[in-house]
Protein backbone atom coordinates (compact mmCIF):
# COMPACT_ATOMS: atom_id res chain seq x y z
CA MET A 1 -38.30 -29.85 4.96
CA ASN A 2 -41.85 -30.98 3.96
CA ASN A 3 -45.01 -28.80 4.52
CA ALA A 4 -46.28 -30.87 7.33
CA ALA A 5 -43.00 -30.57 9.30
CA SER A 6 -43.11 -26.76 8.68
CA SER A 7 -46.73 -26.25 9.62
CA PRO A 8 -47.53 -24.17 12.79
CA LEU A 9 -48.92 -27.39 14.55
CA ALA A 10 -45.77 -29.30 13.78
CA GLN A 11 -43.55 -26.52 15.08
CA SER A 12 -45.41 -26.30 18.31
CA GLN A 13 -44.65 -29.88 19.07
CA ALA A 14 -41.13 -31.27 19.95
CA PRO A 15 -39.79 -33.73 17.43
CA ALA A 16 -39.70 -37.41 18.20
CA PRO A 17 -36.92 -38.60 20.37
CA VAL A 18 -33.76 -39.35 18.23
CA THR A 19 -32.23 -42.78 18.55
CA LEU A 20 -28.47 -43.32 18.91
CA GLY A 21 -28.58 -45.01 15.41
CA GLN A 22 -30.19 -42.00 13.80
CA ALA A 23 -27.66 -39.63 15.39
CA PHE A 24 -24.77 -41.90 14.24
CA ARG A 25 -26.01 -41.77 10.70
CA TYR A 26 -26.18 -37.89 10.76
CA TRP A 27 -22.80 -37.50 12.40
CA LEU A 28 -21.21 -39.77 9.76
CA LYS A 29 -22.86 -37.85 6.94
CA LEU A 30 -21.49 -34.56 8.57
CA GLY A 31 -18.19 -35.93 8.49
CA PHE A 32 -18.17 -36.08 4.73
CA ILE A 33 -19.85 -32.81 4.02
CA SER A 34 -18.28 -30.49 6.66
CA PHE A 35 -16.34 -28.25 4.18
CA GLY A 36 -15.83 -24.49 4.65
CA GLY A 37 -13.80 -24.48 7.78
CA PRO A 38 -15.30 -23.78 11.31
CA ALA A 39 -17.53 -21.16 10.07
CA GLY A 40 -19.06 -23.33 7.35
CA GLN A 41 -19.22 -26.30 9.79
CA ILE A 42 -21.02 -24.40 12.47
CA ALA A 43 -23.42 -22.95 9.81
CA ILE A 44 -24.19 -26.49 8.54
CA MET A 45 -25.00 -27.85 11.92
CA HIS A 46 -27.18 -24.84 12.70
CA GLN A 47 -29.31 -25.37 9.55
CA ASP A 48 -29.45 -29.18 10.13
CA LEU A 49 -30.03 -29.42 13.81
CA VAL A 50 -31.56 -26.00 14.81
CA GLU A 51 -33.66 -25.19 11.75
CA LYS A 52 -34.53 -28.39 10.13
CA LYS A 53 -34.41 -31.29 12.55
CA ARG A 54 -34.92 -29.13 15.60
CA TRP A 55 -32.91 -31.42 17.79
CA ILE A 56 -31.75 -28.39 19.77
CA SER A 57 -33.00 -24.78 20.27
CA GLU A 58 -31.06 -21.81 18.92
CA ARG A 59 -30.41 -20.53 22.30
CA ARG A 60 -29.08 -23.78 23.69
CA TYR A 61 -26.95 -24.28 20.43
CA LEU A 62 -25.36 -20.79 20.83
CA HIS A 63 -24.78 -21.26 24.51
CA ALA A 64 -22.73 -24.47 23.75
CA LEU A 65 -21.00 -22.78 20.86
CA ASN A 66 -19.92 -19.84 23.17
CA TYR A 67 -18.41 -22.52 25.62
CA CYS A 68 -16.51 -24.30 22.85
CA MET A 69 -15.06 -20.85 21.67
CA LEU A 70 -13.36 -20.61 25.12
CA LEU A 71 -11.36 -23.77 24.60
CA PRO A 72 -8.27 -24.62 22.70
CA GLY A 73 -9.22 -27.06 19.91
CA PRO A 74 -11.52 -27.05 16.83
CA GLU A 75 -14.69 -25.49 18.04
CA ALA A 76 -16.87 -27.07 15.32
CA GLN A 77 -15.87 -30.60 16.34
CA GLN A 78 -16.17 -29.82 19.99
CA LEU A 79 -19.70 -28.36 19.31
CA ALA A 80 -20.60 -31.69 17.66
CA ILE A 81 -19.25 -33.52 20.70
CA TYR A 82 -21.27 -31.32 23.03
CA ILE A 83 -24.53 -31.85 21.18
CA GLY A 84 -23.94 -35.46 20.86
CA TRP A 85 -23.08 -35.85 24.56
CA LEU A 86 -26.16 -33.70 25.54
CA MET A 87 -28.42 -36.00 23.54
CA HIS A 88 -26.87 -39.53 24.20
CA ARG A 89 -24.44 -39.29 27.05
CA THR A 90 -20.80 -39.88 26.82
CA VAL A 91 -21.06 -42.52 23.97
CA GLY A 92 -23.08 -40.00 21.89
CA GLY A 93 -20.24 -37.37 22.28
CA ILE A 94 -17.59 -39.83 21.50
CA ILE A 95 -19.45 -41.01 18.33
CA ALA A 96 -20.25 -37.38 17.13
CA GLY A 97 -16.54 -36.18 17.50
CA SER A 98 -14.91 -39.35 16.16
CA LEU A 99 -17.14 -39.30 12.99
CA PHE A 100 -16.37 -35.51 12.62
CA VAL A 101 -12.81 -36.40 11.83
CA LEU A 102 -12.78 -39.96 10.69
CA PRO A 103 -13.71 -39.33 6.91
CA SER A 104 -11.14 -36.45 6.78
CA LEU A 105 -8.50 -38.79 8.25
CA ILE A 106 -9.06 -41.43 5.53
CA ILE A 107 -9.24 -38.85 2.76
CA LEU A 108 -6.00 -37.04 3.89
CA ILE A 109 -4.12 -40.42 4.12
CA ALA A 110 -5.13 -41.09 0.60
CA LEU A 111 -4.23 -37.75 -0.63
CA SER A 112 -0.84 -37.70 1.23
CA TRP A 113 0.06 -40.96 -0.40
CA ILE A 114 -0.85 -39.57 -3.88
CA TYR A 115 1.22 -36.43 -3.12
CA LEU A 116 4.26 -38.16 -2.00
CA ASP A 117 4.12 -41.02 -4.72
CA PHE A 118 2.90 -38.93 -7.65
CA GLY A 119 3.52 -35.44 -6.58
CA HIS A 120 6.47 -35.15 -9.06
CA LEU A 121 4.08 -35.76 -12.13
CA PRO A 122 3.62 -32.41 -14.02
CA ALA A 123 -0.04 -32.54 -13.71
CA VAL A 124 -0.13 -32.84 -9.93
CA ALA A 125 2.84 -30.38 -9.47
CA GLY A 126 0.85 -27.98 -11.90
CA VAL A 127 -2.27 -28.02 -9.74
CA LEU A 128 -0.13 -27.45 -6.55
CA TYR A 129 1.52 -24.49 -8.12
CA GLY A 130 -1.69 -22.69 -8.35
CA ILE A 131 -3.13 -23.78 -4.85
CA LYS A 132 -0.13 -22.50 -3.07
CA PRO A 133 -0.70 -18.81 -3.74
CA ALA A 134 -4.38 -19.39 -3.00
CA VAL A 135 -3.42 -20.78 0.45
CA THR A 136 -1.21 -17.67 1.11
CA ALA A 137 -4.32 -15.55 0.12
CA ILE A 138 -6.55 -17.76 2.44
CA VAL A 139 -4.29 -17.29 5.42
CA LEU A 140 -4.13 -13.49 5.07
CA PHE A 141 -7.94 -13.53 4.73
CA ALA A 142 -8.25 -15.41 7.89
CA ALA A 143 -6.08 -12.81 9.73
CA TYR A 144 -8.40 -10.04 8.28
CA ARG A 145 -11.46 -12.03 9.14
CA ILE A 146 -10.44 -12.70 12.71
CA GLY A 147 -8.92 -9.27 13.27
CA SER A 148 -11.97 -7.32 12.13
CA ARG A 149 -14.02 -9.22 14.58
CA ALA A 150 -11.58 -9.27 17.59
CA LEU A 151 -9.64 -6.15 17.42
CA LYS A 152 -12.28 -3.52 18.63
CA ASN A 153 -9.92 -1.01 20.23
CA GLN A 154 -6.35 0.39 20.00
CA LEU A 155 -5.16 -1.80 23.00
CA LEU A 156 -6.11 -5.06 21.27
CA TRP A 157 -4.52 -3.80 17.91
CA ALA A 158 -1.28 -3.17 19.97
CA MET A 159 -1.39 -6.64 21.38
CA ALA A 160 -1.68 -8.03 17.77
CA GLY A 161 1.19 -5.88 16.60
CA LEU A 162 3.48 -6.95 19.46
CA ALA A 163 2.71 -10.60 18.82
CA PHE A 164 3.60 -10.13 15.07
CA VAL A 165 6.97 -8.68 16.19
CA ALA A 166 7.65 -11.13 18.80
CA ILE A 167 7.31 -14.23 16.40
CA PHE A 168 8.61 -12.55 13.17
CA VAL A 169 11.54 -10.62 14.46
CA PHE A 170 12.56 -12.28 17.64
CA ASP A 171 11.16 -15.86 16.92
CA ILE A 172 9.60 -16.22 20.28
CA PRO A 173 7.86 -19.68 20.55
CA PHE A 174 4.30 -19.54 20.15
CA PRO A 175 3.36 -21.03 23.49
CA LEU A 176 5.15 -18.23 25.18
CA ILE A 177 3.21 -15.70 23.21
CA VAL A 178 -0.11 -17.28 24.01
CA LEU A 179 0.83 -17.38 27.84
CA VAL A 180 1.68 -13.71 27.84
CA ALA A 181 -1.31 -12.80 25.88
CA GLY A 182 -3.67 -14.71 28.31
CA LEU A 183 -2.10 -13.12 31.37
CA LEU A 184 -2.38 -9.57 29.67
CA GLY A 185 -6.07 -10.46 29.09
CA ALA A 186 -6.72 -11.48 32.59
CA LEU A 187 -5.12 -8.31 33.92
CA GLY A 188 -7.02 -6.39 31.41
CA GLY A 189 -10.24 -8.03 32.33
CA ARG A 190 -9.49 -6.86 35.89
CA TYR A 191 -8.33 -3.28 35.47
CA ALA A 192 -9.73 -2.35 32.06
CA PRO A 193 -12.96 -4.70 31.55
CA ALA A 194 -14.32 -2.52 28.82
CA ARG A 195 -11.41 -3.03 26.60
CA PHE A 196 -11.46 -6.83 27.08
CA SER A 197 -15.35 -7.59 26.96
CA THR A 198 -15.54 -8.19 23.29
CA GLY A 199 -14.14 -11.69 22.82
CA GLY A 200 -15.57 -15.33 22.75
CA GLY A 201 -19.27 -14.55 22.01
CA HIS A 202 -21.41 -15.43 19.12
CA GLY A 203 -24.31 -13.23 20.03
CA SER A 204 -27.70 -14.36 21.49
CA ALA A 205 -30.50 -16.30 19.92
CA LYS A 206 -32.85 -14.10 17.69
CA GLN A 207 -35.15 -16.53 16.14
CA SER A 208 -37.07 -19.59 17.10
CA TYR A 209 -37.66 -22.39 14.47
CA GLY A 210 -40.40 -24.17 16.61
CA LYS A 211 -40.17 -26.30 19.71
CA ALA A 212 -36.78 -28.24 19.87
CA LEU A 213 -36.29 -31.66 21.40
CA ILE A 214 -33.67 -29.85 23.60
CA ASP A 215 -35.54 -26.61 24.08
CA ASP A 216 -34.74 -23.40 26.01
CA ASP A 217 -36.83 -24.73 28.95
CA THR A 218 -35.68 -28.48 28.73
CA PRO A 219 -34.40 -29.54 32.04
CA ILE A 220 -30.74 -30.53 32.11
CA PRO A 221 -30.59 -34.23 31.87
CA ASP A 222 -28.91 -36.10 34.84
CA HIS A 223 -25.83 -36.98 32.99
CA ALA A 224 -25.25 -33.33 32.18
CA LYS A 225 -25.42 -32.14 35.82
CA PHE A 226 -22.19 -31.40 37.55
CA SER A 227 -20.73 -34.03 39.60
CA GLY A 228 -17.38 -34.17 41.29
CA LYS A 229 -17.00 -37.80 41.17
CA ARG A 230 -17.97 -37.84 37.57
CA LEU A 231 -15.50 -35.11 36.67
CA ALA A 232 -12.75 -36.84 38.48
CA LYS A 233 -13.54 -40.21 36.60
CA LEU A 234 -13.52 -38.49 33.30
CA ILE A 235 -10.22 -36.70 34.08
CA LEU A 236 -8.77 -39.97 35.14
CA ALA A 237 -9.96 -41.75 32.03
CA GLY A 238 -8.56 -39.04 29.77
CA LEU A 239 -5.15 -39.20 31.52
CA VAL A 240 -5.10 -43.03 31.21
CA LEU A 241 -6.04 -42.99 27.39
CA TRP A 242 -3.21 -40.46 26.95
CA ALA A 243 -0.61 -42.18 28.98
CA ALA A 244 -1.42 -45.69 27.72
CA ALA A 245 -0.76 -44.54 24.29
CA ILE A 246 2.29 -42.52 24.97
CA GLY A 247 3.61 -45.31 27.21
CA CYS A 248 3.17 -48.04 24.48
CA LEU A 249 5.03 -45.82 21.85
CA CYS A 250 7.86 -45.05 24.47
CA ALA A 251 8.09 -48.83 25.39
CA ARG A 252 8.25 -49.69 21.66
CA TYR A 253 10.40 -46.97 20.19
CA GLY A 254 11.99 -45.17 23.22
CA TRP A 255 11.23 -41.51 24.12
CA ASP A 256 13.33 -40.04 21.44
CA GLY A 257 11.59 -42.20 18.72
CA PRO A 258 9.84 -40.19 15.98
CA LEU A 259 6.26 -41.67 16.90
CA THR A 260 6.82 -40.98 20.61
CA GLN A 261 7.94 -37.50 20.00
CA MET A 262 4.99 -36.89 17.59
CA GLY A 263 2.61 -37.89 20.33
CA TRP A 264 4.24 -35.60 22.88
CA PHE A 265 4.59 -32.63 20.49
CA PHE A 266 1.01 -32.82 19.17
CA THR A 267 -0.32 -33.16 22.65
CA LYS A 268 1.23 -29.84 23.34
CA ALA A 269 -0.06 -28.41 20.03
CA ALA A 270 -3.72 -29.55 20.87
CA LEU A 271 -3.59 -27.46 24.00
CA LEU A 272 -2.49 -24.26 22.08
CA THR A 273 -5.06 -24.01 19.40
CA PHE A 274 -6.73 -21.05 20.82
CA GLY A 275 -8.22 -19.08 17.81
CA GLY A 276 -8.46 -22.13 15.41
CA ALA A 277 -6.03 -24.00 13.13
CA TYR A 278 -4.33 -20.98 11.67
CA ALA A 279 -3.26 -19.88 15.09
CA VAL A 280 -1.44 -22.94 15.82
CA LEU A 281 0.13 -23.64 12.57
CA PRO A 282 3.17 -21.37 13.21
CA TYR A 283 3.74 -23.64 16.36
CA VAL A 284 3.43 -26.78 14.20
CA TYR A 285 5.78 -25.19 11.69
CA GLN A 286 8.34 -24.38 14.28
CA GLY A 287 8.36 -27.77 15.63
CA ALA A 288 7.70 -30.11 12.63
CA VAL A 289 9.90 -28.12 10.05
CA GLU A 290 12.56 -26.30 12.02
CA HIS A 291 13.17 -28.51 15.10
CA TYR A 292 12.34 -32.02 14.15
CA HIS A 293 12.70 -31.71 10.40
CA TRP A 294 9.76 -34.09 9.80
CA LEU A 295 8.90 -32.18 6.47
CA THR A 296 10.17 -29.22 4.63
CA ALA A 297 8.66 -25.85 4.54
CA HIS A 298 7.23 -26.29 0.93
CA GLN A 299 5.73 -29.60 2.00
CA MET A 300 4.05 -27.76 4.94
CA ILE A 301 2.36 -25.38 2.43
CA ASP A 302 1.23 -28.16 0.28
CA GLY A 303 -0.21 -29.94 3.35
CA LEU A 304 -2.17 -26.84 4.14
CA ALA A 305 -3.47 -26.64 0.64
CA LEU A 306 -4.53 -30.46 1.01
CA GLY A 307 -6.25 -29.74 4.30
CA GLU A 308 -8.21 -26.82 2.78
CA THR A 309 -9.81 -29.15 0.15
CA THR A 310 -11.02 -31.89 2.49
CA PRO A 311 -13.90 -31.95 4.91
CA GLY A 312 -13.45 -31.75 8.66
CA PRO A 313 -11.31 -29.32 10.80
CA LEU A 314 -8.50 -27.49 9.15
CA ILE A 315 -6.26 -28.72 12.01
CA MET A 316 -6.51 -32.09 10.23
CA VAL A 317 -3.49 -30.66 8.30
CA VAL A 318 -1.42 -32.45 11.24
CA THR A 319 -2.60 -35.78 9.70
CA PHE A 320 -0.54 -34.84 6.56
CA VAL A 321 2.33 -33.70 8.81
CA GLY A 322 2.37 -37.19 10.39
CA PHE A 323 1.96 -39.07 7.15
CA VAL A 324 4.99 -37.20 5.55
CA ALA A 325 7.03 -37.76 8.74
CA GLY A 326 6.32 -41.49 8.92
CA TRP A 327 6.96 -41.82 5.30
CA GLY A 328 10.11 -39.74 5.20
CA LYS A 329 11.69 -41.40 8.33
CA ALA A 330 10.69 -44.93 6.90
CA LEU A 331 9.62 -45.83 10.42
CA LEU A 332 8.77 -49.43 9.40
CA GLY A 333 11.51 -49.98 6.82
CA THR A 334 12.00 -48.74 3.38
CA ASP A 335 9.61 -51.28 1.90
CA GLN A 336 6.74 -50.14 4.11
CA LEU A 337 6.39 -46.51 3.53
CA PHE A 338 2.62 -46.42 3.14
CA PRO A 339 2.03 -48.35 6.44
CA ALA A 340 4.58 -46.01 8.21
CA GLY A 341 2.94 -42.94 6.96
CA ALA A 342 -0.57 -44.16 7.84
CA THR A 343 0.51 -45.20 11.23
CA ALA A 344 2.15 -41.89 12.06
CA ALA A 345 -1.06 -40.13 10.59
CA CYS A 346 -3.20 -41.95 13.03
CA VAL A 347 -0.80 -41.39 15.88
CA VAL A 348 -0.82 -37.52 15.39
CA THR A 349 -4.53 -37.48 14.85
CA TYR A 350 -5.19 -39.18 18.11
CA PHE A 351 -3.09 -37.08 20.26
CA THR A 352 -4.36 -33.98 18.47
CA PHE A 353 -8.05 -34.62 19.05
CA LEU A 354 -7.95 -36.51 22.48
CA PRO A 355 -8.07 -33.39 24.63
CA SER A 356 -11.23 -31.97 22.75
CA PHE A 357 -13.28 -34.90 24.05
CA LEU A 358 -11.90 -34.55 27.65
CA PHE A 359 -12.74 -30.63 27.45
CA ILE A 360 -16.34 -31.25 26.53
CA LEU A 361 -17.18 -34.41 28.46
CA ALA A 362 -15.54 -33.07 31.63
CA GLY A 363 -16.42 -29.30 31.19
CA GLY A 364 -19.84 -29.49 29.71
CA PRO A 365 -21.69 -29.47 33.06
CA LEU A 366 -19.74 -26.30 34.15
CA VAL A 367 -21.03 -24.35 31.07
CA GLU A 368 -23.69 -22.56 33.08
CA SER A 369 -21.28 -21.27 35.69
CA THR A 370 -18.63 -19.97 33.14
CA HIS A 371 -20.79 -18.57 30.30
CA GLY A 372 -20.42 -14.72 30.12
CA ASN A 373 -18.19 -14.52 33.13
CA LEU A 374 -15.49 -11.89 32.15
CA LYS A 375 -12.77 -13.45 34.20
CA PHE A 376 -12.92 -16.44 31.86
CA THR A 377 -13.59 -14.48 28.60
CA ALA A 378 -11.04 -11.70 29.03
CA PRO A 379 -7.74 -14.06 28.69
CA LEU A 380 -9.51 -15.38 25.56
CA THR A 381 -9.77 -11.88 24.09
CA GLY A 382 -6.21 -11.19 24.81
CA ILE A 383 -5.08 -14.52 23.25
CA THR A 384 -7.37 -13.85 20.12
CA ALA A 385 -5.76 -10.37 19.69
CA ALA A 386 -2.23 -12.04 19.78
CA VAL A 387 -3.36 -14.78 17.36
CA VAL A 388 -4.03 -12.08 14.72
CA GLY A 389 -0.58 -11.09 14.83
CA VAL A 390 0.77 -14.71 14.68
CA ILE A 391 -1.56 -15.59 11.61
CA LEU A 392 -0.29 -12.41 9.86
CA ASN A 393 3.38 -13.85 10.36
CA LEU A 394 2.25 -17.13 8.93
CA ALA A 395 0.91 -15.35 5.78
CA VAL A 396 4.26 -13.46 5.55
CA PHE A 397 6.09 -16.81 5.81
CA PHE A 398 3.93 -18.42 3.07
CA ALA A 399 4.22 -15.45 0.75
CA PHE A 400 8.06 -15.58 0.98
CA HIS A 401 8.14 -19.31 0.14
CA VAL A 402 5.66 -18.99 -2.64
CA PHE A 403 6.66 -15.80 -4.37
CA TRP A 404 10.42 -16.25 -4.02
CA PRO A 405 10.56 -20.19 -4.29
CA ARG A 406 14.40 -20.12 -4.62
CA GLY A 407 14.89 -17.42 -2.17
CA PHE A 408 15.34 -13.66 -2.88
CA GLN A 409 18.45 -14.51 -4.94
CA GLY A 410 16.33 -16.72 -7.21
CA GLY A 411 14.02 -14.04 -8.38
CA PHE A 412 10.24 -13.00 -7.98
CA ASP A 413 7.54 -15.45 -9.23
CA ALA A 414 5.19 -12.78 -10.71
CA VAL A 415 2.58 -15.43 -11.75
CA THR A 416 1.94 -16.72 -8.24
CA ALA A 417 1.77 -13.25 -6.89
CA VAL A 418 -1.11 -12.53 -9.41
CA ILE A 419 -2.80 -15.75 -8.51
CA ALA A 420 -2.70 -14.75 -4.89
CA LEU A 421 -4.14 -11.43 -5.51
CA ALA A 422 -6.92 -12.81 -7.68
CA ALA A 423 -7.73 -15.22 -4.77
CA LEU A 424 -7.71 -12.46 -2.15
CA LEU A 425 -10.00 -10.31 -4.34
CA ALA A 426 -12.37 -13.17 -4.69
CA LEU A 427 -12.49 -13.90 -0.89
CA LEU A 428 -12.73 -10.25 0.05
CA ARG A 429 -14.66 -8.52 -2.78
CA TYR A 430 -16.80 -11.22 -4.07
CA LYS A 431 -17.34 -13.35 -0.88
CA ALA A 432 -16.24 -16.50 -2.82
CA GLY A 433 -15.96 -19.80 -0.89
CA ILE A 434 -12.70 -21.29 -0.09
CA ILE A 435 -13.27 -24.54 -2.01
CA PRO A 436 -14.29 -22.72 -5.40
CA VAL A 437 -11.25 -20.30 -4.93
CA ILE A 438 -8.86 -23.33 -4.39
CA ALA A 439 -10.47 -25.07 -7.43
CA MET A 440 -9.99 -22.08 -9.73
CA CYS A 441 -6.44 -21.51 -8.67
CA GLY A 442 -5.51 -25.06 -8.93
CA THR A 443 -6.96 -25.13 -12.57
CA ALA A 444 -5.00 -21.95 -13.30
CA GLY A 445 -1.78 -23.51 -11.94
CA PHE A 446 -2.27 -26.56 -14.04
CA LEU A 447 -2.77 -24.44 -17.30
CA ILE A 448 0.08 -22.18 -16.42
CA SER A 449 2.39 -24.97 -15.83
CA SER A 450 1.46 -26.58 -19.01
CA LEU A 451 2.55 -23.41 -20.75
CA LYS A 452 5.55 -22.80 -18.70
CA PRO A 453 8.13 -23.46 -21.36
CA TRP A 454 6.70 -20.82 -23.50
CA LEU A 455 6.23 -18.35 -20.62
CA GLU A 456 9.89 -18.88 -19.48
CA GLN A 457 10.92 -17.82 -23.16
CA VAL A 458 9.11 -14.53 -22.82
CA GLY A 459 10.30 -13.94 -19.35
CA VAL A 460 7.27 -14.38 -17.15
CA PHE A 461 9.14 -16.80 -15.01
CA LEU A 462 12.15 -15.00 -13.79
């Protein structure tokens, strides 16, 4: 930011109005640089939109973020939709949300094609060999990070433990765990409010960066005021967009067709992403790997590794799932594998992110009436506690497939265990970023795989 813009006089005046074209260029840029998961993406938007451009004040920014945290779905993308909608009505929200994921969609389709067509090459396989244990460490780190923030008392710790036992020991479906946790949270908010008053918030504004275009005292624009008629229209439009797409797939391929089932399955997944992508991954695994057999367990781990290295929400891993499913099922014929994969990837992405637009465009005007109300935040607190246990189960699942790639009878891979421990140490002790950790582990995997014949001779690979 230049000196003129940072002067006291400039900060006392609101920035010039932002055109839709200017906003479009920013959201497109954000789509290519939004690395670092939700925390990194939220930080990038705060630095750009609150501190530098002053499009929105910190208080209004945090107010919107707190609302997005109450919803299923990627909160960073929903925050972009919210700000785009607040500035430029519905079209602004659609542009912001679409450009947040479009670059990642294109990149992941390309990476998925490289993975399936060239993944057998030693160089590619070697890089993935190092990335897989890094992903295991990242998932475990996510459980620690969410747990340290969310589990503030023994009751919430107990709920996390019960959720882990439910999915690890009894293989209870993730939606049922979410439902029970939400109900327990609602009851807890009523009968033990002190135990359930810790979730969903991101604090309050502590600093002013100058007068913003949408400032603390800026009146709510007409399009952001609640209207029952407008709400009904938005809900109807969302249902039409969903029903038209699922109807076309059903008419073309039948209800049991892979593309139709992908649309239906990922619609349900989109409504269960409380707590971020790591929370819904066990559900995606249960459906995509165990029930539909769209891909293997090892491919699922590889997909998460690719998702960690691309911009956009981590839940974009579903794009990889769709591509592998379309390719593996040869939906358009054995000579049209790439078009089949790309089509399935687009279908999965559409149904995964459609609800996020509806939640913000329809629910945005209700933010003021729901913010800080315990009867809305207590169920989220219960769900978040359960999510910690579910993510820990995911880490155990990944660890088994990475450290014992051929099962317990095939022996323990000590090298991947060392890589995972090093990655976890880098994340916990040295606060390293996810992208550098993945890059270092991928490089280590490539070097180790190149030396694998010699390592096998000395007994490192058992």
